[in-house]
Amino acid sequence: PNGLIIQWGFSTGASSRTVTFPIAFPNECLNVSGNVYASVGTFQTCSCRNATNQNFGIQTGDVNNVGQANPVKWTAIGY
């Protein structure tokens, strides 16, 4: 109870999407980070935003800010 919680997952879908945590953080989500799972040699971007206790948003794209529906591996830390 009241301890550190670490969650991770894999998300696919549109270039802009919402990911729901498997377990809602009881108090607060402190940090979310993500990495695009793409082919070697491609430059893709990933932005995690608007994290709440229950979910967060992902925006993926290419070097020119054109939306790309890339898979993302993510990690969240909270308590």
N, C-alpha and C. Protein backbone atom coordinates (compact mmCIF):
# COMPACT_ATOMS: atom_id res chain seq x y z
N PRO A 1 0.84 -1.19 0.00
CA PRO A 1 0.00 0.00 0.00
C PRO A 1 0.88 1.25 0.00
N ASN A 2 0.51 2.29 -0.64
CA ASN A 2 1.25 3.56 -0.71
C ASN A 2 2.66 3.40 -1.26
N GLY A 3 2.97 2.30 -1.95
CA GLY A 3 4.32 2.07 -2.48
C GLY A 3 4.43 2.45 -3.94
N LEU A 4 5.63 2.36 -4.46
CA LEU A 4 5.92 2.66 -5.84
C LEU A 4 5.31 1.59 -6.75
N ILE A 5 4.70 2.02 -7.86
CA ILE A 5 4.11 1.12 -8.84
C ILE A 5 4.76 1.41 -10.19
N ILE A 6 5.25 0.37 -10.86
CA ILE A 6 5.81 0.49 -12.20
C ILE A 6 4.96 -0.36 -13.14
N GLN A 7 4.50 0.26 -14.23
CA GLN A 7 3.71 -0.45 -15.23
C GLN A 7 4.36 -0.25 -16.59
N TRP A 8 4.16 -1.22 -17.48
CA TRP A 8 4.69 -1.09 -18.83
C TRP A 8 3.75 -1.78 -19.79
N GLY A 9 3.90 -1.43 -21.07
CA GLY A 9 3.03 -2.04 -22.05
C GLY A 9 3.46 -1.74 -23.46
N PHE A 10 2.64 -2.17 -24.39
CA PHE A 10 2.87 -2.02 -25.82
C PHE A 10 1.58 -1.50 -26.42
N SER A 11 1.65 -0.41 -27.17
CA SER A 11 0.46 0.21 -27.73
C SER A 11 0.55 0.32 -29.24
N THR A 12 -0.52 -0.03 -29.91
CA THR A 12 -0.63 0.17 -31.36
C THR A 12 -1.89 0.95 -31.64
N GLY A 13 -1.99 1.47 -32.84
CA GLY A 13 -3.19 2.20 -33.22
C GLY A 13 -2.85 3.44 -34.03
N ALA A 14 -3.73 4.41 -34.01
CA ALA A 14 -3.56 5.64 -34.77
C ALA A 14 -2.35 6.42 -34.26
N SER A 15 -1.92 7.43 -35.02
CA SER A 15 -0.77 8.22 -34.60
C SER A 15 -1.04 8.99 -33.32
N SER A 16 -2.29 9.33 -33.06
CA SER A 16 -2.68 9.98 -31.80
C SER A 16 -3.70 9.08 -31.11
N ARG A 17 -3.36 8.64 -29.90
CA ARG A 17 -4.24 7.70 -29.21
C ARG A 17 -4.11 7.83 -27.70
N THR A 18 -5.07 7.26 -26.99
CA THR A 18 -5.06 7.24 -25.54
C THR A 18 -4.82 5.81 -25.08
N VAL A 19 -3.93 5.66 -24.10
CA VAL A 19 -3.62 4.36 -23.52
C VAL A 19 -4.15 4.34 -22.09
N THR A 20 -4.91 3.31 -21.74
CA THR A 20 -5.42 3.14 -20.39
C THR A 20 -4.49 2.20 -19.64
N PHE A 21 -4.07 2.62 -18.44
CA PHE A 21 -3.19 1.78 -17.63
C PHE A 21 -3.91 0.49 -17.24
N PRO A 22 -3.19 -0.64 -17.18
CA PRO A 22 -3.80 -1.89 -16.73
C PRO A 22 -4.40 -1.75 -15.32
N ILE A 23 -3.71 -0.99 -14.46
CA ILE A 23 -4.18 -0.72 -13.10
C ILE A 23 -4.08 0.78 -12.88
N ALA A 24 -5.16 1.42 -12.47
CA ALA A 24 -5.11 2.86 -12.18
C ALA A 24 -4.19 3.12 -10.99
N PHE A 25 -3.38 4.17 -11.08
CA PHE A 25 -2.53 4.54 -9.95
C PHE A 25 -3.43 5.11 -8.85
N PRO A 26 -3.33 4.62 -7.60
CA PRO A 26 -4.20 5.08 -6.52
C PRO A 26 -4.02 6.57 -6.19
N ASN A 27 -2.79 7.10 -6.35
CA ASN A 27 -2.53 8.48 -5.96
C ASN A 27 -2.16 9.37 -7.15
N GLU A 28 -1.07 9.02 -7.83
CA GLU A 28 -0.59 9.88 -8.91
C GLU A 28 0.33 9.12 -9.86
N CYS A 29 0.24 9.44 -11.14
CA CYS A 29 1.22 8.97 -12.12
C CYS A 29 2.31 10.03 -12.16
N LEU A 30 3.53 9.63 -11.85
CA LEU A 30 4.65 10.58 -11.77
C LEU A 30 5.37 10.76 -13.09
N ASN A 31 5.45 9.72 -13.92
CA ASN A 31 6.20 9.80 -15.16
C ASN A 31 5.74 8.74 -16.14
N VAL A 32 5.68 9.11 -17.41
CA VAL A 32 5.41 8.16 -18.49
C VAL A 32 6.45 8.42 -19.58
N SER A 33 7.05 7.36 -20.10
CA SER A 33 7.96 7.51 -21.22
C SER A 33 7.66 6.42 -22.24
N GLY A 34 7.95 6.72 -23.50
CA GLY A 34 7.69 5.76 -24.55
C GLY A 34 8.76 5.75 -25.61
N ASN A 35 8.90 4.63 -26.27
CA ASN A 35 9.85 4.47 -27.37
C ASN A 35 9.12 3.85 -28.55
N VAL A 36 9.35 4.44 -29.71
CA VAL A 36 8.75 3.91 -30.93
C VAL A 36 9.42 2.59 -31.28
N TYR A 37 8.61 1.62 -31.63
CA TYR A 37 9.10 0.32 -32.05
C TYR A 37 9.02 0.31 -33.57
N ALA A 38 10.13 0.73 -34.22
CA ALA A 38 10.14 0.88 -35.68
C ALA A 38 11.38 0.21 -36.27
N SER A 39 11.41 0.15 -37.57
CA SER A 39 12.54 -0.47 -38.28
C SER A 39 13.84 0.26 -38.00
N VAL A 40 14.93 -0.48 -37.97
CA VAL A 40 16.25 0.11 -37.80
C VAL A 40 16.51 1.05 -38.97
N GLY A 41 17.05 2.22 -38.67
CA GLY A 41 17.38 3.18 -39.71
C GLY A 41 16.31 4.22 -39.97
N THR A 42 15.14 4.09 -39.34
CA THR A 42 14.10 5.10 -39.51
C THR A 42 14.12 6.02 -38.30
N PHE A 43 13.82 7.29 -38.51
CA PHE A 43 13.76 8.24 -37.41
C PHE A 43 12.30 8.57 -37.14
N GLN A 44 11.80 8.10 -36.02
CA GLN A 44 10.41 8.30 -35.64
C GLN A 44 10.36 8.98 -34.27
N THR A 45 9.29 9.71 -34.00
CA THR A 45 9.15 10.42 -32.73
C THR A 45 7.98 9.85 -31.94
N CYS A 46 8.06 10.04 -30.63
CA CYS A 46 7.00 9.61 -29.72
C CYS A 46 6.87 10.64 -28.61
N SER A 47 5.67 11.09 -28.36
CA SER A 47 5.42 12.02 -27.27
C SER A 47 4.33 11.44 -26.37
N CYS A 48 4.62 11.35 -25.08
CA CYS A 48 3.62 10.92 -24.10
C CYS A 48 3.15 12.17 -23.37
N ARG A 49 1.83 12.34 -23.22
CA ARG A 49 1.31 13.58 -22.66
C ARG A 49 0.03 13.35 -21.87
N ASN A 50 -0.34 14.36 -21.10
CA ASN A 50 -1.61 14.39 -20.37
C ASN A 50 -1.84 13.15 -19.51
N ALA A 51 -0.83 12.74 -18.77
CA ALA A 51 -0.97 11.56 -17.92
C ALA A 51 -1.87 11.85 -16.72
N THR A 52 -2.78 10.93 -16.46
CA THR A 52 -3.64 10.96 -15.28
C THR A 52 -3.40 9.67 -14.51
N ASN A 53 -4.15 9.44 -13.48
CA ASN A 53 -4.03 8.19 -12.72
C ASN A 53 -4.49 6.99 -13.54
N GLN A 54 -5.31 7.25 -14.59
CA GLN A 54 -5.93 6.16 -15.34
C GLN A 54 -5.41 5.97 -16.76
N ASN A 55 -4.87 7.04 -17.38
CA ASN A 55 -4.46 6.92 -18.78
C ASN A 55 -3.48 8.02 -19.18
N PHE A 56 -3.02 7.97 -20.42
CA PHE A 56 -2.16 9.00 -20.98
C PHE A 56 -2.30 8.99 -22.50
N GLY A 57 -1.86 10.06 -23.14
CA GLY A 57 -1.92 10.16 -24.58
C GLY A 57 -0.58 9.88 -25.22
N ILE A 58 -0.61 9.34 -26.43
CA ILE A 58 0.60 9.11 -27.23
C ILE A 58 0.39 9.79 -28.57
N GLN A 59 1.45 10.45 -29.05
CA GLN A 59 1.48 11.00 -30.41
C GLN A 59 2.75 10.50 -31.07
N THR A 60 2.63 9.85 -32.21
CA THR A 60 3.80 9.35 -32.93
C THR A 60 3.85 9.98 -34.31
N GLY A 61 5.06 10.13 -34.81
CA GLY A 61 5.23 10.73 -36.13
C GLY A 61 6.63 10.52 -36.66
N ASP A 62 6.90 11.18 -37.80
CA ASP A 62 8.23 11.08 -38.38
C ASP A 62 9.00 12.37 -38.13
N VAL A 63 10.18 12.46 -38.68
CA VAL A 63 11.06 13.60 -38.45
C VAL A 63 10.43 14.92 -38.93
N ASN A 64 9.48 14.87 -39.84
CA ASN A 64 8.82 16.06 -40.36
C ASN A 64 7.50 16.36 -39.65
N ASN A 65 7.27 15.74 -38.50
CA ASN A 65 6.03 15.91 -37.72
C ASN A 65 4.78 15.44 -38.45
N VAL A 66 4.94 14.51 -39.37
CA VAL A 66 3.80 13.90 -40.04
C VAL A 66 3.40 12.68 -39.21
N GLY A 67 2.13 12.61 -38.81
CA GLY A 67 1.66 11.51 -37.98
C GLY A 67 1.89 10.15 -38.62
N GLN A 68 2.42 9.23 -37.83
CA GLN A 68 2.65 7.86 -38.26
C GLN A 68 2.08 6.93 -37.20
N ALA A 69 1.34 5.92 -37.61
CA ALA A 69 0.73 4.98 -36.66
C ALA A 69 1.75 3.93 -36.24
N ASN A 70 2.74 4.36 -35.45
CA ASN A 70 3.81 3.47 -35.01
C ASN A 70 3.49 2.82 -33.67
N PRO A 71 3.86 1.55 -33.49
CA PRO A 71 3.74 0.92 -32.18
C PRO A 71 4.69 1.58 -31.18
N VAL A 72 4.31 1.58 -29.92
CA VAL A 72 5.11 2.21 -28.86
C VAL A 72 5.21 1.26 -27.67
N LYS A 73 6.44 1.12 -27.16
CA LYS A 73 6.68 0.46 -25.88
C LYS A 73 6.73 1.56 -24.84
N TRP A 74 5.94 1.44 -23.76
CA TRP A 74 5.87 2.51 -22.77
C TRP A 74 6.11 1.99 -21.35
N THR A 75 6.53 2.90 -20.46
CA THR A 75 6.73 2.62 -19.06
C THR A 75 6.16 3.78 -18.24
N ALA A 76 5.44 3.46 -17.17
CA ALA A 76 4.87 4.48 -16.29
C ALA A 76 5.24 4.18 -14.84
N ILE A 77 5.50 5.24 -14.09
CA ILE A 77 5.84 5.13 -12.67
C ILE A 77 4.89 6.01 -11.88
N GLY A 78 4.37 5.48 -10.80
CA GLY A 78 3.47 6.23 -9.94
C GLY A 78 3.37 5.57 -8.58
N TYR A 79 2.37 6.02 -7.82
CA TYR A 79 2.14 5.43 -6.50
C TYR A 79 0.68 5.52 -6.15
